[in-house]
C-alpha atoms as a PDB file:
ATOM      1  CA  UNK A   1      15.201   2.088  13.703  1.00  0.00           C
ATOM      2  CA  UNK A   2      13.942   3.103  17.073  1.00  0.00           C
ATOM      3  CA  UNK A   3      10.305   3.673  17.710  1.00  0.00           C
ATOM      4  CA  UNK A   4       7.525   3.748  20.196  1.00  0.00           C
ATOM      5  CA  UNK A   5       5.699   0.759  21.545  1.00  0.00           C
ATOM      6  CA  UNK A   6       3.750  -1.229  18.993  1.00  0.00           C
ATOM      7  CA  UNK A   7       6.009  -0.248  16.120  1.00  0.00           C
ATOM      8  CA  UNK A   8       7.119  -2.860  13.679  1.00  0.00           C
ATOM      9  CA  UNK A   9       9.752  -2.725  10.994  1.00  0.00           C
ATOM     10  CA  UNK A  10      10.323  -4.957   8.014  1.00  0.00           C
ATOM     11  CA  UNK A  11      12.860  -5.021   5.252  1.00  0.00           C
ATOM     12  CA  UNK A  12      12.362  -6.368   1.761  1.00  0.00           C
ATOM     13  CA  UNK A  13      13.883  -6.237  -1.669  1.00  0.00           C
ATOM     14  CA  UNK A  14      11.647  -4.301  -4.039  1.00  0.00           C
ATOM     15  CA  UNK A  15      13.588  -4.773  -7.235  1.00  0.00           C
ATOM     16  CA  UNK A  16      17.033  -4.102  -8.557  1.00  0.00           C
ATOM     17  CA  UNK A  17      19.066  -1.067  -9.452  1.00  0.00           C
ATOM     18  CA  UNK A  18      21.773  -1.112 -12.090  1.00  0.00           C
ATOM     19  CA  UNK A  19      24.502   1.423 -11.418  1.00  0.00           C
ATOM     20  CA  UNK A  20      26.757   2.570 -14.259  1.00  0.00           C
ATOM     21  CA  UNK A  21      30.380   1.615 -13.979  1.00  0.00           C
ATOM     22  CA  UNK A  22      29.541  -1.485 -11.970  1.00  0.00           C
ATOM     23  CA  UNK A  23      28.579  -4.815 -13.445  1.00  0.00           C
ATOM     24  CA  UNK A  24      25.446  -6.537 -12.258  1.00  0.00           C
ATOM     25  CA  UNK A  25      22.496  -5.346 -10.283  1.00  0.00           C
ATOM     26  CA  UNK A  26      22.067  -4.480  -6.651  1.00  0.00           C
ATOM     27  CA  UNK A  27      19.014  -5.224  -4.514  1.00  0.00           C
ATOM     28  CA  UNK A  28      16.804  -2.248  -3.821  1.00  0.00           C
ATOM     29  CA  UNK A  29      16.021  -2.533  -0.142  1.00  0.00           C
ATOM     30  CA  UNK A  30      12.824  -1.124   1.297  1.00  0.00           C
ATOM     31  CA  UNK A  31      12.509  -0.885   5.041  1.00  0.00           C
ATOM     32  CA  UNK A  32       8.976  -0.288   6.282  1.00  0.00           C
ATOM     33  CA  UNK A  33       7.983   0.775   9.769  1.00  0.00           C
ATOM     34  CA  UNK A  34       4.359   0.873  10.914  1.00  0.00           C
ATOM     35  CA  UNK A  35       3.188   2.706  14.018  1.00  0.00           C
ATOM     36  CA  UNK A  36      -0.423   2.043  15.043  1.00  0.00           C
ATOM     37  CA  UNK A  37      -2.423   5.191  15.621  1.00  0.00           C
ATOM     38  CA  UNK A  38      -5.643   6.190  17.276  1.00  0.00           C
ATOM     39  CA  UNK A  39      -8.945   5.672  15.515  1.00  0.00           C
ATOM     40  CA  UNK A  40      -7.545   3.232  12.965  1.00  0.00           C
ATOM     41  CA  UNK A  41      -5.123   5.771  11.450  1.00  0.00           C
ATOM     42  CA  UNK A  42      -1.744   4.054  11.174  1.00  0.00           C
ATOM     43  CA  UNK A  43       1.537   5.750  10.204  1.00  0.00           C
ATOM     44  CA  UNK A  44       4.009   4.152   7.813  1.00  0.00           C
ATOM     45  CA  UNK A  45       7.608   5.031   6.988  1.00  0.00           C
ATOM     46  CA  UNK A  46       9.365   3.551   3.966  1.00  0.00           C
ATOM     47  CA  UNK A  47      13.117   3.949   3.499  1.00  0.00           C
ATOM     48  CA  UNK A  48      14.949   2.841   0.347  1.00  0.00           C
ATOM     49  CA  UNK A  49      18.610   1.996  -0.091  1.00  0.00           C
ATOM     50  CA  UNK A  50      20.901  -0.123  -2.232  1.00  0.00           C
ATOM     51  CA  UNK A  51      24.563  -1.091  -1.937  1.00  0.00           C
ATOM     52  CA  UNK A  52      25.211   0.614  -5.303  1.00  0.00           C
ATOM     53  CA  UNK A  53      24.091   4.116  -4.292  1.00  0.00           C
ATOM     54  CA  UNK A  54      25.267   6.392  -1.480  1.00  0.00           C
ATOM     55  CA  UNK A  55      27.439   3.635  -0.029  1.00  0.00           C
ATOM     56  CA  UNK A  56      24.385   1.569   0.826  1.00  0.00           C
ATOM     57  CA  UNK A  57      22.937   4.302   3.009  1.00  0.00           C
ATOM     58  CA  UNK A  58      19.274   5.294   2.818  1.00  0.00           C
ATOM     59  CA  UNK A  59      18.684   7.630  -0.129  1.00  0.00           C
ATOM     60  CA  UNK A  60      14.933   8.146   0.020  1.00  0.00           C
ATOM     61  CA  UNK A  61      12.138   8.240   2.591  1.00  0.00           C
ATOM     62  CA  UNK A  62       8.370   8.627   2.535  1.00  0.00           C
ATOM     63  CA  UNK A  63       5.995   8.831   5.496  1.00  0.00           C
ATOM     64  CA  UNK A  64       2.257   8.444   5.076  1.00  0.00           C
ATOM     65  CA  UNK A  65      -0.836   7.602   7.089  1.00  0.00           C
ATOM     66  CA  UNK A  66      -3.643   5.224   6.243  1.00  0.00           C
ATOM     67  CA  UNK A  67      -7.120   5.817   7.659  1.00  0.00           C
ATOM     68  CA  UNK A  68      -8.785   2.409   7.594  1.00  0.00           C
ATOM     69  CA  UNK A  69     -12.218   3.884   8.338  1.00  0.00           C
ATOM     70  CA  UNK A  70     -12.264   6.209   5.317  1.00  0.00           C
ATOM     71  CA  UNK A  71     -10.022   4.212   2.978  1.00  0.00           C
ATOM     72  CA  UNK A  72      -7.756   7.233   2.491  1.00  0.00           C
ATOM     73  CA  UNK A  73      -3.990   7.452   2.659  1.00  0.00           C
ATOM     74  CA  UNK A  74      -2.095  10.749   2.850  1.00  0.00           C
ATOM     75  CA  UNK A  75       1.564  11.591   2.466  1.00  0.00           C
ATOM     76  CA  UNK A  76       3.126  13.417   5.405  1.00  0.00           C
ATOM     77  CA  UNK A  77       6.769  13.625   4.286  1.00  0.00           C
ATOM     78  CA  UNK A  78       8.892  12.618   1.304  1.00  0.00           C
ATOM     79  CA  UNK A  79      12.550  13.304   0.572  1.00  0.00           C
ATOM     80  CA  UNK A  80      15.620  11.983  -1.227  1.00  0.00           C
ATOM     81  CA  UNK A  81      19.287  12.831  -0.875  1.00  0.00           C
ATOM     82  CA  UNK A  82      20.313  16.017  -2.676  1.00  0.00           C
ATOM     83  CA  UNK A  83      22.502  14.291  -5.289  1.00  0.00           C
ATOM     84  CA  UNK A  84      19.492  12.286  -6.521  1.00  0.00           C
ATOM     85  CA  UNK A  85      16.966  15.152  -6.656  1.00  0.00           C
ATOM     86  CA  UNK A  86      15.086  15.166  -9.952  1.00  0.00           C
ATOM     87  CA  UNK A  87      16.131  11.613 -10.843  1.00  0.00           C
ATOM     88  CA  UNK A  88      12.937   9.672 -10.157  1.00  0.00           C
ATOM     89  CA  UNK A  89      13.432   8.701  -6.528  1.00  0.00           C
ATOM     90  CA  UNK A  90      10.230  10.502  -5.487  1.00  0.00           C
ATOM     91  CA  UNK A  91       8.164   8.657  -8.063  1.00  0.00           C
ATOM     92  CA  UNK A  92       9.633   5.370  -6.885  1.00  0.00           C
ATOM     93  CA  UNK A  93       8.803   6.230  -3.263  1.00  0.00           C
ATOM     94  CA  UNK A  94       5.240   7.165  -4.206  1.00  0.00           C
ATOM     95  CA  UNK A  95       4.902   3.906  -6.147  1.00  0.00           C
ATOM     96  CA  UNK A  96       6.028   1.876  -3.129  1.00  0.00           C
ATOM     97  CA  UNK A  97       3.654   3.852  -0.895  1.00  0.00           C
ATOM     98  CA  UNK A  98       0.751   3.394  -3.351  1.00  0.00           C
ATOM     99  CA  UNK A  99       1.386  -0.370  -3.396  1.00  0.00           C
ATOM    100  CA  UNK A 100       1.452  -0.555   0.416  1.00  0.00           C
ATOM    101  CA  UNK A 101      -1.614   1.674   0.859  1.00  0.00           C
ATOM    102  CA  UNK A 102      -3.548  -0.280  -1.779  1.00  0.00           C
ATOM    103  CA  UNK A 103      -2.661  -3.568  -0.042  1.00  0.00           C
ATOM    104  CA  UNK A 104      -4.119  -2.115   3.168  1.00  0.00           C
ATOM    105  CA  UNK A 105      -7.429  -1.314   1.464  1.00  0.00           C
ATOM    106  CA  UNK A 106      -6.910   2.398   0.766  1.00  0.00           C
ATOM    107  CA  UNK A 107      -8.916   3.678  -2.198  1.00  0.00           C
ATOM    108  CA  UNK A 108      -7.298   7.119  -2.464  1.00  0.00           C
ATOM    109  CA  UNK A 109      -3.862   8.537  -1.762  1.00  0.00           C
ATOM    110  CA  UNK A 110      -3.640  12.296  -1.151  1.00  0.00           C
ATOM    111  CA  UNK A 111      -0.842  14.815  -1.220  1.00  0.00           C
ATOM    112  CA  UNK A 112      -0.477  17.390   1.500  1.00  0.00           C
ATOM    113  CA  UNK A 113      -2.259  20.746   1.222  1.00  0.00           C
ATOM    114  CA  UNK A 114       1.141  22.361   0.505  1.00  0.00           C
ATOM    115  CA  UNK A 115       3.218  20.872  -2.308  1.00  0.00           C
ATOM    116  CA  UNK A 116       6.652  22.019  -3.474  1.00  0.00           C
ATOM    117  CA  UNK A 117       7.360  22.651  -7.151  1.00  0.00           C
ATOM    118  CA  UNK A 118       9.433  19.462  -7.410  1.00  0.00           C
ATOM    119  CA  UNK A 119       6.716  17.396  -5.722  1.00  0.00           C
ATOM    120  CA  UNK A 120       4.114  18.900  -8.085  1.00  0.00           C
ATOM    121  CA  UNK A 121       6.277  17.814 -11.043  1.00  0.00           C
ATOM    122  CA  UNK A 122       6.364  14.283  -9.624  1.00  0.00           C
ATOM    123  CA  UNK A 123       2.582  14.182  -9.096  1.00  0.00           C
ATOM    124  CA  UNK A 124       2.009  15.494 -12.639  1.00  0.00           C
ATOM    125  CA  UNK A 125       4.366  12.870 -14.040  1.00  0.00           C
ATOM    126  CA  UNK A 126       2.396  10.175 -12.212  1.00  0.00           C
ATOM    127  CA  UNK A 127      -0.810  11.712 -13.618  1.00  0.00           C
ATOM    128  CA  UNK A 128       0.500  11.494 -17.202  1.00  0.00           C
ATOM    129  CA  UNK A 129       1.589   7.892 -16.739  1.00  0.00           C
ATOM    130  CA  UNK A 130      -1.489   6.575 -14.930  1.00  0.00           C
ATOM    131  CA  UNK A 131      -4.450   8.845 -15.658  1.00  0.00           C
ATOM    132  CA  UNK A 132      -5.474   8.312 -12.025  1.00  0.00           C
ATOM    133  CA  UNK A 133      -4.426  11.651 -10.473  1.00  0.00           C
ATOM    134  CA  UNK A 134      -6.740  14.581  -9.839  1.00  0.00           C
ATOM    135  CA  UNK A 135      -5.168  17.999  -9.351  1.00  0.00           C
ATOM    136  CA  UNK A 136      -7.357  20.124  -7.100  1.00  0.00           C
ATOM    137  CA  UNK A 137      -7.621  23.901  -7.262  1.00  0.00           C
ATOM    138  CA  UNK A 138      -4.595  25.505  -5.650  1.00  0.00           C
ATOM    139  CA  UNK A 139      -2.632  28.728  -5.702  1.00  0.00           C
ATOM    140  CA  UNK A 140       1.095  29.050  -6.256  1.00  0.00           C
ATOM    141  CA  UNK A 141       2.988  30.913  -3.537  1.00  0.00           C
ATOM    142  CA  UNK A 142       6.123  32.231  -5.298  1.00  0.00           C
ATOM    143  CA  UNK A 143       7.785  33.255  -2.025  1.00  0.00           C
ATOM    144  CA  UNK A 144       7.624  29.709  -0.663  1.00  0.00           C
ATOM    145  CA  UNK A 145       7.803  28.113  -4.132  1.00  0.00           C
ATOM    146  CA  UNK A 146       4.897  25.802  -3.374  1.00  0.00           C
ATOM    147  CA  UNK A 147       1.300  25.122  -4.331  1.00  0.00           C
ATOM    148  CA  UNK A 148      -1.250  25.626  -1.561  1.00  0.00           C
ATOM    149  CA  UNK A 149      -4.857  24.488  -1.212  1.00  0.00           C
ATOM    150  CA  UNK A 150      -7.457  24.148   1.515  1.00  0.00           C
ATOM    151  CA  UNK A 151      -7.246  20.362   1.111  1.00  0.00           C
ATOM    152  CA  UNK A 152      -4.942  17.986  -0.760  1.00  0.00           C
ATOM    153  CA  UNK A 153      -3.451  19.502  -3.912  1.00  0.00           C
ATOM    154  CA  UNK A 154      -3.364  16.072  -5.626  1.00  0.00           C
ATOM    155  CA  UNK A 155      -5.357  12.862  -5.122  1.00  0.00           C
ATOM    156  CA  UNK A 156      -4.783   9.446  -6.658  1.00  0.00           C
ATOM    157  CA  UNK A 157      -7.635   7.024  -7.240  1.00  0.00           C
ATOM    158  CA  UNK A 158      -5.779   3.825  -6.353  1.00  0.00           C
ATOM    159  CA  UNK A 159      -8.444   1.632  -7.951  1.00  0.00           C
ATOM    160  CA  UNK A 160      -7.504   3.172 -11.333  1.00  0.00           C
ATOM    161  CA  UNK A 161      -3.833   2.208 -11.005  1.00  0.00           C
ATOM    162  CA  UNK A 162      -2.964  -1.354 -11.965  1.00  0.00           C
ATOM    163  CA  UNK A 163      -0.289  -3.417 -10.279  1.00  0.00           C
ATOM    164  CA  UNK A 164       1.653  -3.259 -13.538  1.00  0.00           C
ATOM    165  CA  UNK A 165       1.591   0.575 -13.509  1.00  0.00           C
ATOM    166  CA  UNK A 166       2.793   0.606  -9.907  1.00  0.00           C
ATOM    167  CA  UNK A 167       5.616  -1.804 -10.772  1.00  0.00           C
ATOM    168  CA  UNK A 168       6.683   0.498 -13.638  1.00  0.00           C
ATOM    169  CA  UNK A 169       6.754   3.423 -11.204  1.00  0.00           C
ATOM    170  CA  UNK A 170       8.858   1.456  -8.753  1.00  0.00           C
ATOM    171  CA  UNK A 171      11.332   0.209 -11.363  1.00  0.00           C
ATOM    172  CA  UNK A 172      14.321   2.469 -11.601  1.00  0.00           C
ATOM    173  CA  UNK A 173      17.574   1.761 -13.350  1.00  0.00           C
ATOM    174  CA  UNK A 174      20.428   4.146 -12.649  1.00  0.00           C
ATOM    175  CA  UNK A 175      23.254   4.520 -15.131  1.00  0.00           C
ATOM    176  CA  UNK A 176      25.945   6.983 -14.026  1.00  0.00           C
ATOM    177  CA  UNK A 177      23.412   8.357 -11.563  1.00  0.00           C
ATOM    178  CA  UNK A 178      20.717   9.010 -14.168  1.00  0.00           C
ATOM    179  CA  UNK A 179      17.475   6.999 -14.436  1.00  0.00           C
ATOM    180  CA  UNK A 180      16.821   5.334 -17.780  1.00  0.00           C
END
């Protein structure tokens, strides 16, 4: 990936994905890029791919910033390929981002102030599974199909999420394209 000066990129295997119709497991590759920012606010991009899905091409991406001074991380962008929408890729991306942010000393991880319906479903799913998510007062804009607030719609207290919970979020097994 290209990038400005000071950027660094790393690749790692974050687990395995089992794809129906194919024997064995495939490595789930996570490529992380960090761009240092002003005032101790660094930007991270995480891309996930596996040889068993989408021909090995990237199928999910999350961008977030970590403010080292405040101990807060905030999502800036998250997306997965259309054929995998609603199949748990977003939760996996958030889990990977939570793990990275927590390792950097972040205490909270915030959504944006505008959250789509599908993203809200993902945040609420994480809330049910971890008990660490606060949903802040927001209004639903039916025209844009999103929740809007003056600050983050959702916040995660990272100190309330165990490493085991994060690993469960990250684990995803696909059988015929459906998570199990």
